[in-house]
Each structure stands twice: as C-alpha cells, then as structure tokens.
Amino acid sequence: MAVFREYGFEGTSAGMLVEAMGIGRQSLYNTFGDKWQLYQMALRRYAADETGEHIAMLQSKPRALDGIVSMVDRVVANARDACLGVGSICEFGRSRPELVAIRDTADRAMRTVLTATIARAQAEGDVALDLAADIIASFIVMSFSGLRIAARAGASDEDLRTLGDLALRALR
C-alpha cells in the first residue's frame, strides 16, 4: 500500500513491490495475480481503513461537532501522508470502473455517517441550519482532498491547520 500511495500505479514497478513486501517476483504473481490486481486490493484495503478511521473519529465524542473536529484534525495531522484514494482519482479519474466502485463504496459509507453527524450537530445547535447536511458533508470531503493535495504540493503545517480551521468555520 505504501508504495502505491507514494508512487501511484504507473510509478510503481514490480521490483519496487517485491522489495517492499520482501517476496520474490514469482510469489507476487502467484499470490496477487498481477500489479493491477494488487493495486485494486491495496485501494480496497486503504479505503476500508480510512473510512473506518473517519467514522471512528466522527463517533469518538459525545457532541457531534467535536467528532467532526476530531476527523478534521486527523486529516490535517496526516495530510502529508500520500492518500491512495486521492492518488487514484488523480491518476485514473473515473476511467476504471473497478476503481470507481471501490472508491464510491467507501465514499457512500463515510458520507452516510458524516451527513448524520452533521445533522446531529445542527440539531445540537453547533452547525448552521442554512445548508443541507449532505451539502456540508460534500464540502468537508472536498476540503480533505484539497488539504491532501496542498500538503503534497508543499503547504506548511500552519497553512494546513488554517485550511482545516476554515473548513470548520464554514460549518457555523
């Protein structure tokens, strides 16, 4: 996963994969089929792990807004770690249906919980009511992609924190 996260599908060679996994080239093919199959497995695992972490952050606090803040803080803190999801979107867009299915499944799961958490924060009086919860969820998800791309482009830690704070400020 780490190699694909850092170099993307095209930038990753079979040699890089066997070195990272500590296996022989034939074992790579016998176990995973080919690089494309391994990439899909890595993306599926990464998407499940990240979705689980986002949901855990959302559900980690008694007040809904505090859970949203925890999730934003996590993304800001880890923004410099290459994101396999954003990387696969940048590399393939929606041209590969198998990748679209993986990403869309994870996105739906996370947005369902995020939208419900935002609606709860609205009911608790912590998030403005002038926008629908699903629109706010879309804004937050897009902000995360922007944060990760800004980090890869060299944004400072202060800039990343400011971008995270602006995303939160937009909720009020």
Foldseek 3Di string as FASTA:
>chain_A
DQQCLVQNLVRDDLVNVCVVVVHDSVCCCVPQVDSVSVLLVVLLVLLVVLLVVLLCLCPVDPQRLNSVLSSLVVLLVCLLRRRSLLRCCVVQNPPDVSNVVSNVVSVVSNLVSQLVSLVRNVVVVNFDPPDRSSVLSVLVVVLSSVLSVVSPVPDDSVVSVVSSVVSSVNRD
